[in-house]
PDB file of N, CA and C in Angstrom:
ATOM      1  N   MET A   1     257.673 116.230  98.572  1.00  0.00           N
ATOM      2  CA  MET A   1     257.557 115.590  99.146  1.00  0.00           C
ATOM      3  C   MET A   1     256.057 116.069 100.410  1.00  0.00           C
ATOM      4  N   LEU A   2     256.100 116.931 100.925  1.00  0.00           N
ATOM      5  CA  LEU A   2     255.285 117.774 101.943  1.00  0.00           C
ATOM      6  C   LEU A   2     253.982 117.552 101.938  1.00  0.00           C
ATOM      7  N   ASP A   3     253.862 118.499 100.458  1.00  0.00           N
ATOM      8  CA  ASP A   3     252.779 119.140 100.195  1.00  0.00           C
ATOM      9  C   ASP A   3     251.951 117.472  99.563  1.00  0.00           C
ATOM     10  N   TYR A   4     252.757 116.590  99.060  1.00  0.00           N
ATOM     11  CA  TYR A   4     251.976 115.124  98.788  1.00  0.00           C
ATOM     12  C   TYR A   4     251.310 114.955 100.360  1.00  0.00           C
ATOM     13  N   ILE A   5     252.120 114.735 101.421  1.00  0.00           N
ATOM     14  CA  ILE A   5     252.100 114.510 102.989  1.00  0.00           C
ATOM     15  C   ILE A   5     250.975 115.147 102.921  1.00  0.00           C
ATOM     16  N   ASN A   6     250.734 116.431 102.965  1.00  0.00           N
ATOM     17  CA  ASN A   6     249.860 117.229 103.189  1.00  0.00           C
ATOM     18  C   ASN A   6     248.316 117.281 102.780  1.00  0.00           C
ATOM     19  N   GLN A   7     248.423 116.954 101.549  1.00  0.00           N
ATOM     20  CA  GLN A   7     246.730 116.427 100.839  1.00  0.00           C
ATOM     21  C   GLN A   7     246.694 115.073 101.063  1.00  0.00           C
ATOM     22  N   ALA A   8     247.383 114.325 101.475  1.00  0.00           N
ATOM     23  CA  ALA A   8     246.739 113.497 102.082  1.00  0.00           C
ATOM     24  C   ALA A   8     245.955 113.210 103.180  1.00  0.00           C
ATOM     25  N   VAL A   9     246.704 113.539 104.294  1.00  0.00           N
ATOM     26  CA  VAL A   9     246.316 114.301 105.199  1.00  0.00           C
ATOM     27  C   VAL A   9     244.720 115.074 105.702  1.00  0.00           C
ATOM     28  N   GLN A  10     244.793 115.864 104.409  1.00  0.00           N
ATOM     29  CA  GLN A  10     243.961 116.997 104.336  1.00  0.00           C
ATOM     30  C   GLN A  10     242.427 116.154 103.660  1.00  0.00           C
ATOM     31  N   LEU A  11     242.359 115.404 103.028  1.00  0.00           N
ATOM     32  CA  LEU A  11     241.747 114.493 102.563  1.00  0.00           C
ATOM     33  C   LEU A  11     241.400 113.266 103.387  1.00  0.00           C
ATOM     34  N   ARG A  12     242.355 112.751 104.052  1.00  0.00           N
ATOM     35  CA  ARG A  12     241.543 111.698 104.937  1.00  0.00           C
ATOM     36  C   ARG A  12     240.947 112.715 106.426  1.00  0.00           C
ATOM     37  N   LEU A  13     241.300 113.914 106.480  1.00  0.00           N
ATOM     38  CA  LEU A  13     240.425 114.750 107.487  1.00  0.00           C
ATOM     39  C   LEU A  13     239.038 115.005 106.584  1.00  0.00           C
ATOM     40  N   ALA A  14     238.987 115.433 105.308  1.00  0.00           N
ATOM     41  CA  ALA A  14     237.775 115.787 104.901  1.00  0.00           C
ATOM     42  C   ALA A  14     236.863 114.664 105.048  1.00  0.00           C
ATOM     43  N   ALA A  15     237.003 112.965 104.786  1.00  0.00           N
ATOM     44  CA  ALA A  15     236.407 112.156 104.715  1.00  0.00           C
ATOM     45  C   ALA A  15     235.690 111.692 105.963  1.00  0.00           C
ATOM     46  N   LEU A  16     236.435 111.404 106.959  1.00  0.00           N
ATOM     47  CA  LEU A  16     236.633 111.889 108.589  1.00  0.00           C
ATOM     48  C   LEU A  16     235.303 112.755 108.765  1.00  0.00           C
ATOM     49  N   ALA A  17     235.462 113.821 108.707  1.00  0.00           N
ATOM     50  CA  ALA A  17     234.865 115.371 109.068  1.00  0.00           C
ATOM     51  C   ALA A  17     233.190 114.413 108.280  1.00  0.00           C
ATOM     52  N   LYS A  18     232.978 113.736 107.395  1.00  0.00           N
ATOM     53  CA  LYS A  18     231.243 113.451 106.957  1.00  0.00           C
ATOM     54  C   LYS A  18     230.991 112.503 108.330  1.00  0.00           C
ATOM     55  N   TYR A  19     231.553 112.182 108.777  1.00  0.00           N
ATOM     56  CA  TYR A  19     231.301 111.394 110.153  1.00  0.00           C
ATOM     57  C   TYR A  19     231.213 111.373 111.606  1.00  0.00           C
ATOM     58  N   ILE A  20     233.062 112.228 112.295  1.00  0.00           N
ATOM     59  CA  ILE A  20     232.945 113.043 113.212  1.00  0.00           C
ATOM     60  C   ILE A  20     232.835 114.654 112.664  1.00  0.00           C
ATOM     61  N   ASN A  21     232.844 114.627 114.315  1.00  0.00           N
ATOM     62  CA  ASN A  21     232.990 116.437 114.219  1.00  0.00           C
ATOM     63  C   ASN A  21     234.552 117.561 114.667  1.00  0.00           C
ATOM     64  N   ALA A  22     234.511 117.931 114.595  1.00  0.00           N
ATOM     65  CA  ALA A  22     235.726 118.326 115.176  1.00  0.00           C
ATOM     66  C   ALA A  22     236.365 117.938 116.667  1.00  0.00           C
ATOM     67  N   ASP A  23     235.531 118.130 117.239  1.00  0.00           N
ATOM     68  CA  ASP A  23     235.746 118.063 118.971  1.00  0.00           C
ATOM     69  C   ASP A  23     235.814 116.644 119.072  1.00  0.00           C
ATOM     70  N   GLN A  24     234.593 115.524 118.631  1.00  0.00           N
ATOM     71  CA  GLN A  24     235.381 114.194 117.918  1.00  0.00           C
ATOM     72  C   GLN A  24     236.715 113.875 118.082  1.00  0.00           C
ATOM     73  N   LEU A  25     236.799 114.503 116.713  1.00  0.00           N
ATOM     74  CA  LEU A  25     238.738 114.306 116.600  1.00  0.00           C
ATOM     75  C   LEU A  25     239.310 114.240 116.997  1.00  0.00           C
ATOM     76  N   GLN A  26     239.113 115.713 118.069  1.00  0.00           N
ATOM     77  CA  GLN A  26     239.819 116.119 119.118  1.00  0.00           C
ATOM     78  C   GLN A  26     240.152 114.972 120.571  1.00  0.00           C
ATOM     79  N   HIS A  27     238.898 114.151 120.185  1.00  0.00           N
ATOM     80  CA  HIS A  27     239.186 113.243 121.500  1.00  0.00           C
ATOM     81  C   HIS A  27     240.056 111.664 121.807  1.00  0.00           C
ATOM     82  N   LEU A  28     240.122 111.641 120.297  1.00  0.00           N
ATOM     83  CA  LEU A  28     241.286 110.668 119.831  1.00  0.00           C
ATOM     84  C   LEU A  28     242.374 110.678 120.546  1.00  0.00           C
ATOM     85  N   ASP A  29     242.206 109.496 121.029  1.00  0.00           N
ATOM     86  CA  ASP A  29     243.648 108.943 121.445  1.00  0.00           C
ATOM     87  C   ASP A  29     244.809 108.993 120.513  1.00  0.00           C
ATOM     88  N   ARG A  30     245.616 110.045 120.574  1.00  0.00           N
ATOM     89  CA  ARG A  30     246.690 110.429 119.629  1.00  0.00           C
ATOM     90  C   ARG A  30     248.238 110.082 119.559  1.00  0.00           C
ATOM     91  N   THR A  31     248.345 109.694 120.864  1.00  0.00           N
ATOM     92  CA  THR A  31     249.679 108.694 121.697  1.00  0.00           C
ATOM     93  C   THR A  31     249.680 107.258 121.262  1.00  0.00           C
ATOM     94  N   LEU A  32     248.378 106.596 120.510  1.00  0.00           N
ATOM     95  CA  LEU A  32     249.054 105.391 120.041  1.00  0.00           C
ATOM     96  C   LEU A  32     249.394 104.982 118.456  1.00  0.00           C
ATOM     97  N   GLU A  33     250.290 105.601 118.178  1.00  0.00           N
ATOM     98  CA  GLU A  33     250.734 105.631 116.540  1.00  0.00           C
ATOM     99  C   GLU A  33     251.790 104.715 116.587  1.00  0.00           C
ATOM    100  N   PRO A  34     252.431 104.430 117.516  1.00  0.00           N
ATOM    101  CA  PRO A  34     253.529 103.647 117.987  1.00  0.00           C
ATOM    102  C   PRO A  34     252.570 102.180 117.822  1.00  0.00           C
ATOM    103  N   GLU A  35     251.685 101.986 118.869  1.00  0.00           N
ATOM    104  CA  GLU A  35     250.887 101.089 118.924  1.00  0.00           C
ATOM    105  C   GLU A  35     250.172 100.479 117.653  1.00  0.00           C
ATOM    106  N   TRP A  36     249.903 101.230 116.997  1.00  0.00           N
ATOM    107  CA  TRP A  36     249.046 101.169 115.118  1.00  0.00           C
ATOM    108  C   TRP A  36     250.496 100.391 114.558  1.00  0.00           C
ATOM    109  N   ARG A  37     251.374 101.108 114.434  1.00  0.00           N
ATOM    110  CA  ARG A  37     252.338 100.397 113.546  1.00  0.00           C
ATOM    111  C   ARG A  37     252.771  99.306 113.672  1.00  0.00           C
ATOM    112  N   ALA A  38     253.064  98.778 114.862  1.00  0.00           N
ATOM    113  CA  ALA A  38     253.291  97.508 115.431  1.00  0.00           C
ATOM    114  C   ALA A  38     252.329  96.376 115.501  1.00  0.00           C
ATOM    115  N   LEU A  39     250.854  96.865 115.396  1.00  0.00           N
ATOM    116  CA  LEU A  39     249.588  95.880 114.790  1.00  0.00           C
ATOM    117  C   LEU A  39     249.765  95.955 113.431  1.00  0.00           C
ATOM    118  N   CYS A  40     250.529  96.852 112.563  1.00  0.00           N
ATOM    119  CA  CYS A  40     250.475  96.281 111.224  1.00  0.00           C
ATOM    120  C   CYS A  40     251.372  96.104 111.246  1.00  0.00           C
ATOM    121  N   GLU A  41     252.544  96.216 111.474  1.00  0.00           N
ATOM    122  CA  GLU A  41     253.990  95.080 111.672  1.00  0.00           C
ATOM    123  C   GLU A  41     253.318  93.471 111.394  1.00  0.00           C
ATOM    124  N   ARG A  42     252.399  93.434 112.812  1.00  0.00           N
ATOM    125  CA  ARG A  42     252.029  92.173 112.849  1.00  0.00           C
ATOM    126  C   ARG A  42     251.219  91.438 111.880  1.00  0.00           C
ATOM    127  N   ALA A  43     250.342  92.186 111.266  1.00  0.00           N
ATOM    128  CA  ALA A  43     249.933  91.575 110.096  1.00  0.00           C
ATOM    129  C   ALA A  43     250.407  91.711 109.128  1.00  0.00           C
ATOM    130  N   GLU A  44     251.107  92.184 108.728  1.00  0.00           N
ATOM    131  CA  GLU A  44     252.202  92.138 107.441  1.00  0.00           C
ATOM    132  C   GLU A  44     252.232  90.837 107.835  1.00  0.00           C
ATOM    133  N   ARG A  45     253.158  90.498 109.058  1.00  0.00           N
ATOM    134  CA  ARG A  45     254.302  89.570 109.031  1.00  0.00           C
ATOM    135  C   ARG A  45     252.728  87.543 108.615  1.00  0.00           C
ATOM    136  N   LEU A  46     251.823  88.022 109.240  1.00  0.00           N
ATOM    137  CA  LEU A  46     251.132  87.181 109.397  1.00  0.00           C
ATOM    138  C   LEU A  46     250.707  87.149 107.811  1.00  0.00           C
ATOM    139  N   ILE A  47     250.595  88.120 107.318  1.00  0.00           N
ATOM    140  CA  ILE A  47     250.157  87.630 105.780  1.00  0.00           C
ATOM    141  C   ILE A  47     251.220  87.140 104.865  1.00  0.00           C
ATOM    142  N   GLY A  48     252.125  87.772 105.458  1.00  0.00           N
ATOM    143  CA  GLY A  48     253.931  87.362 104.239  1.00  0.00           C
ATOM    144  C   GLY A  48     254.293  85.359 105.226  1.00  0.00           C
ATOM    145  N   ASP A  49     253.946  84.831 105.982  1.00  0.00           N
ATOM    146  CA  ASP A  49     253.733  83.967 106.361  1.00  0.00           C
ATOM    147  C   ASP A  49     252.938  83.020 106.191  1.00  0.00           C
ATOM    148  N   GLY A  50     251.899  83.666 105.373  1.00  0.00           N
ATOM    149  CA  GLY A  50     250.687  82.874 105.269  1.00  0.00           C
ATOM    150  C   GLY A  50     249.397  81.799 106.135  1.00  0.00           C
ATOM    151  N   ALA A  51     250.075  82.952 106.790  1.00  0.00           N
ATOM    152  CA  ALA A  51     248.911  82.312 108.610  1.00  0.00           C
ATOM    153  C   ALA A  51     247.594  82.211 107.698  1.00  0.00           C
ATOM    154  N   PRO A  52     246.614  81.230 108.423  1.00  0.00           N
ATOM    155  CA  PRO A  52     245.004  81.416 107.845  1.00  0.00           C
ATOM    156  C   PRO A  52     244.235  82.853 108.750  1.00  0.00           C
ATOM    157  N   PRO A  53     243.636  83.261 108.056  1.00  0.00           N
ATOM    158  CA  PRO A  53     242.849  84.327 108.194  1.00  0.00           C
ATOM    159  C   PRO A  53     242.130  83.838 109.569  1.00  0.00           C
ATOM    160  N   HIS A  54     241.384  83.054 109.214  1.00  0.00           N
ATOM    161  CA  HIS A  54     240.825  82.482 110.529  1.00  0.00           C
ATOM    162  C   HIS A  54     241.600  81.857 111.224  1.00  0.00           C
ATOM    163  N   GLY A  55     242.813  81.342 111.654  1.00  0.00           N
ATOM    164  CA  GLY A  55     243.616  80.882 112.699  1.00  0.00           C
ATOM    165  C   GLY A  55     243.798  81.593 113.576  1.00  0.00           C
ATOM    166  N   ALA A  56     244.139  81.038 115.065  1.00  0.00           N
ATOM    167  CA  ALA A  56     244.726  81.542 116.063  1.00  0.00           C
ATOM    168  C   ALA A  56     245.403  83.093 115.988  1.00  0.00           C
ATOM    169  N   ALA A  57     246.477  82.925 115.584  1.00  0.00           N
ATOM    170  CA  ALA A  57     247.275  84.685 115.361  1.00  0.00           C
ATOM    171  C   ALA A  57     246.711  85.552 114.858  1.00  0.00           C
ATOM    172  N   ALA A  58     245.532  85.163 113.499  1.00  0.00           N
ATOM    173  CA  ALA A  58     244.663  86.228 113.277  1.00  0.00           C
ATOM    174  C   ALA A  58     243.632  86.845 114.318  1.00  0.00           C
ATOM    175  N   ARG A  59     243.480  85.993 114.551  1.00  0.00           N
ATOM    176  CA  ARG A  59     242.001  85.936 115.836  1.00  0.00           C
ATOM    177  C   ARG A  59     242.897  87.062 116.904  1.00  0.00           C
ATOM    178  N   ARG A  60     243.629  86.539 117.336  1.00  0.00           N
ATOM    179  CA  ARG A  60     244.435  87.161 118.034  1.00  0.00           C
ATOM    180  C   ARG A  60     244.468  88.651 117.559  1.00  0.00           C
ATOM    181  N   LEU A  61     245.518  88.994 116.719  1.00  0.00           N
ATOM    182  CA  LEU A  61     245.288  90.499 115.465  1.00  0.00           C
ATOM    183  C   LEU A  61     243.943  91.010 116.132  1.00  0.00           C
ATOM    184  N   ALA A  62     242.679  90.122 115.322  1.00  0.00           N
ATOM    185  CA  ALA A  62     241.664  91.254 115.362  1.00  0.00           C
ATOM    186  C   ALA A  62     241.235  91.418 117.078  1.00  0.00           C
ATOM    187  N   ARG A  63     241.789  90.822 117.843  1.00  0.00           N
ATOM    188  CA  ARG A  63     241.063  90.937 119.194  1.00  0.00           C
ATOM    189  C   ARG A  63     241.793  92.338 119.520  1.00  0.00           C
ATOM    190  N   ASP A  64     243.255  92.482 119.659  1.00  0.00           N
ATOM    191  CA  ASP A  64     244.330  93.660 119.717  1.00  0.00           C
ATOM    192  C   ASP A  64     243.419  94.638 118.983  1.00  0.00           C
ATOM    193  N   TRP A  65     243.648  94.452 117.345  1.00  0.00           N
ATOM    194  CA  TRP A  65     242.279  96.122 116.702  1.00  0.00           C
ATOM    195  C   TRP A  65     241.582  96.214 117.546  1.00  0.00           C
ATOM    196  N   GLN A  66     240.832  95.213 118.132  1.00  0.00           N
ATOM    197  CA  GLN A  66     239.500  95.544 118.760  1.00  0.00           C
ATOM    198  C   GLN A  66     239.956  96.501 119.485  1.00  0.00           C
ATOM    199  N   ASN A  67     240.897  96.436 120.704  1.00  0.00           N
ATOM    200  CA  ASN A  67     241.344  96.701 121.597  1.00  0.00           C
ATOM    201  C   ASN A  67     242.508  98.355 121.619  1.00  0.00           C
ATOM    202  N   LEU A  68     242.446  97.742 120.943  1.00  0.00           N
ATOM    203  CA  LEU A  68     243.008  99.308 120.187  1.00  0.00           C
ATOM    204  C   LEU A  68     242.015 100.678 119.662  1.00  0.00           C
ATOM    205  N   VAL A  69     241.218 100.131 118.981  1.00  0.00           N
ATOM    206  CA  VAL A  69     239.956 101.074 118.827  1.00  0.00           C
ATOM    207  C   VAL A  69     239.503 101.599 119.653  1.00  0.00           C
ATOM    208  N   ASP A  70     239.160 100.375 120.881  1.00  0.00           N
ATOM    209  CA  ASP A  70     238.572 101.229 121.570  1.00  0.00           C
ATOM    210  C   ASP A  70     239.284 102.391 122.472  1.00  0.00           C
ATOM    211  N   ARG A  71     240.238 101.904 122.445  1.00  0.00           N
ATOM    212  CA  ARG A  71     241.797 103.200 123.355  1.00  0.00           C
ATOM    213  C   ARG A  71     241.821 104.103 122.646  1.00  0.00           C
ATOM    214  N   TRP A  72     241.469 103.905 121.233  1.00  0.00           N
ATOM    215  CA  TRP A  72     241.582 104.914 120.462  1.00  0.00           C
ATOM    216  C   TRP A  72     240.891 106.233 120.567  1.00  0.00           C
ATOM    217  N   VAL A  73     239.059 105.771 120.652  1.00  0.00           N
ATOM    218  CA  VAL A  73     238.028 106.373 120.976  1.00  0.00           C
ATOM    219  C   VAL A  73     237.839 106.446 122.835  1.00  0.00           C
ATOM    220  N   ARG A  74     238.861 105.902 123.199  1.00  0.00           N
ATOM    221  CA  ARG A  74     239.149 106.469 124.896  1.00  0.00           C
ATOM    222  C   ARG A  74     237.429 105.627 125.168  1.00  0.00           C
ATOM    223  N   HIS A  75     237.493 104.705 124.584  1.00  0.00           N
ATOM    224  CA  HIS A  75     235.881 103.776 125.211  1.00  0.00           C
ATOM    225  C   HIS A  75     234.578 104.842 124.754  1.00  0.00           C
ATOM    226  N   ASP A  76     234.467 105.858 123.993  1.00  0.00           N
ATOM    227  CA  ASP A  76     233.146 105.997 123.867  1.00  0.00           C
ATOM    228  C   ASP A  76     232.826 104.910 122.353  1.00  0.00           C
ATOM    229  N   ALA A  77     231.462 104.543 122.698  1.00  0.00           N
ATOM    230  CA  ALA A  77     230.990 103.471 122.053  1.00  0.00           C
ATOM    231  C   ALA A  77     230.193 104.199 121.286  1.00  0.00           C
ATOM    232  N   ALA A  78     229.725 105.235 120.961  1.00  0.00           N
ATOM    233  CA  ALA A  78     229.377 106.359 119.748  1.00  0.00           C
ATOM    234  C   ALA A  78     230.286 106.651 118.748  1.00  0.00           C
ATOM    235  N   LEU A  79     231.515 107.120 119.201  1.00  0.00           N
ATOM    236  CA  LEU A  79     232.441 107.512 118.193  1.00  0.00           C
ATOM    237  C   LEU A  79     232.872 106.484 117.495  1.00  0.00           C
ATOM    238  N   ARG A  80     233.178 105.196 118.446  1.00  0.00           N
ATOM    239  CA  ARG A  80     233.633 103.985 118.230  1.00  0.00           C
ATOM    240  C   ARG A  80     233.071 103.480 116.610  1.00  0.00           C
ATOM    241  N   GLU A  81     231.747 103.372 116.894  1.00  0.00           N
ATOM    242  CA  GLU A  81     231.061 103.411 115.629  1.00  0.00           C
ATOM    243  C   GLU A  81     230.915 103.986 114.687  1.00  0.00           C
ATOM    244  N   LYS A  82     231.036 105.488 114.398  1.00  0.00           N
ATOM    245  CA  LYS A  82     231.356 106.822 113.949  1.00  0.00           C
ATOM    246  C   LYS A  82     232.562 106.277 112.962  1.00  0.00           C
ATOM    247  N   LEU A  83     232.944 106.248 113.288  1.00  0.00           N
ATOM    248  CA  LEU A  83     235.156 105.494 113.311  1.00  0.00           C
ATOM    249  C   LEU A  83     234.807 104.749 112.449  1.00  0.00           C
ATOM    250  N   LEU A  84     234.242 103.491 112.755  1.00  0.00           N
ATOM    251  CA  LEU A  84     234.139 102.141 111.678  1.00  0.00           C
ATOM    252  C   LEU A  84     233.264 102.428 110.949  1.00  0.00           C
ATOM    253  N   ALA A  85     232.222 103.491 110.492  1.00  0.00           N
ATOM    254  CA  ALA A  85     231.205 103.598 109.699  1.00  0.00           C
ATOM    255  C   ALA A  85     232.356 104.504 108.992  1.00  0.00           C
ATOM    256  N   ALA A  86     233.123 105.526 108.856  1.00  0.00           N
ATOM    257  CA  ALA A  86     233.880 105.938 108.086  1.00  0.00           C
ATOM    258  C   ALA A  86     235.001 105.273 107.135  1.00  0.00           C
ATOM    259  N   TYR A  87     235.666 104.160 108.226  1.00  0.00           N
ATOM    260  CA  TYR A  87     236.475 103.557 107.563  1.00  0.00           C
ATOM    261  C   TYR A  87     235.997 102.180 106.753  1.00  0.00           C
ATOM    262  N   GLY A  88     234.388 101.923 106.413  1.00  0.00           N
ATOM    263  CA  GLY A  88     233.802 100.953 106.136  1.00  0.00           C
ATOM    264  C   GLY A  88     234.360  99.814 106.825  1.00  0.00           C
ATOM    265  N   VAL A  89     234.148  99.790 107.710  1.00  0.00           N
ATOM    266  CA  VAL A  89     234.225  98.408 109.032  1.00  0.00           C
ATOM    267  C   VAL A  89     233.031  98.085 109.389  1.00  0.00           C
ATOM    268  N   THR A  90     232.452  96.710 109.576  1.00  0.00           N
ATOM    269  CA  THR A  90     231.025  96.653 109.633  1.00  0.00           C
ATOM    270  C   THR A  90     231.326  95.585 110.746  1.00  0.00           C
TER     271      THR A  90
END
């Protein structure tokens, strides 16, 4: 199991390395993991409840996601754009 997880982590890091360098990777705020998990749980609940994608709850979720991304990159606009590109978000 640990080998599987390590392979997944290495693949993710290799993919990110195409967009950001090691210094930029170190700049990311790693303390936000609990907030990322909570945001994902909220998204799963909305989907499970059949909430409309353009409804108020979905818009709040999207706004909170944007804010969390900004905090993750420590409000570095250039790094934010690189990460969004890495994840295919436009």
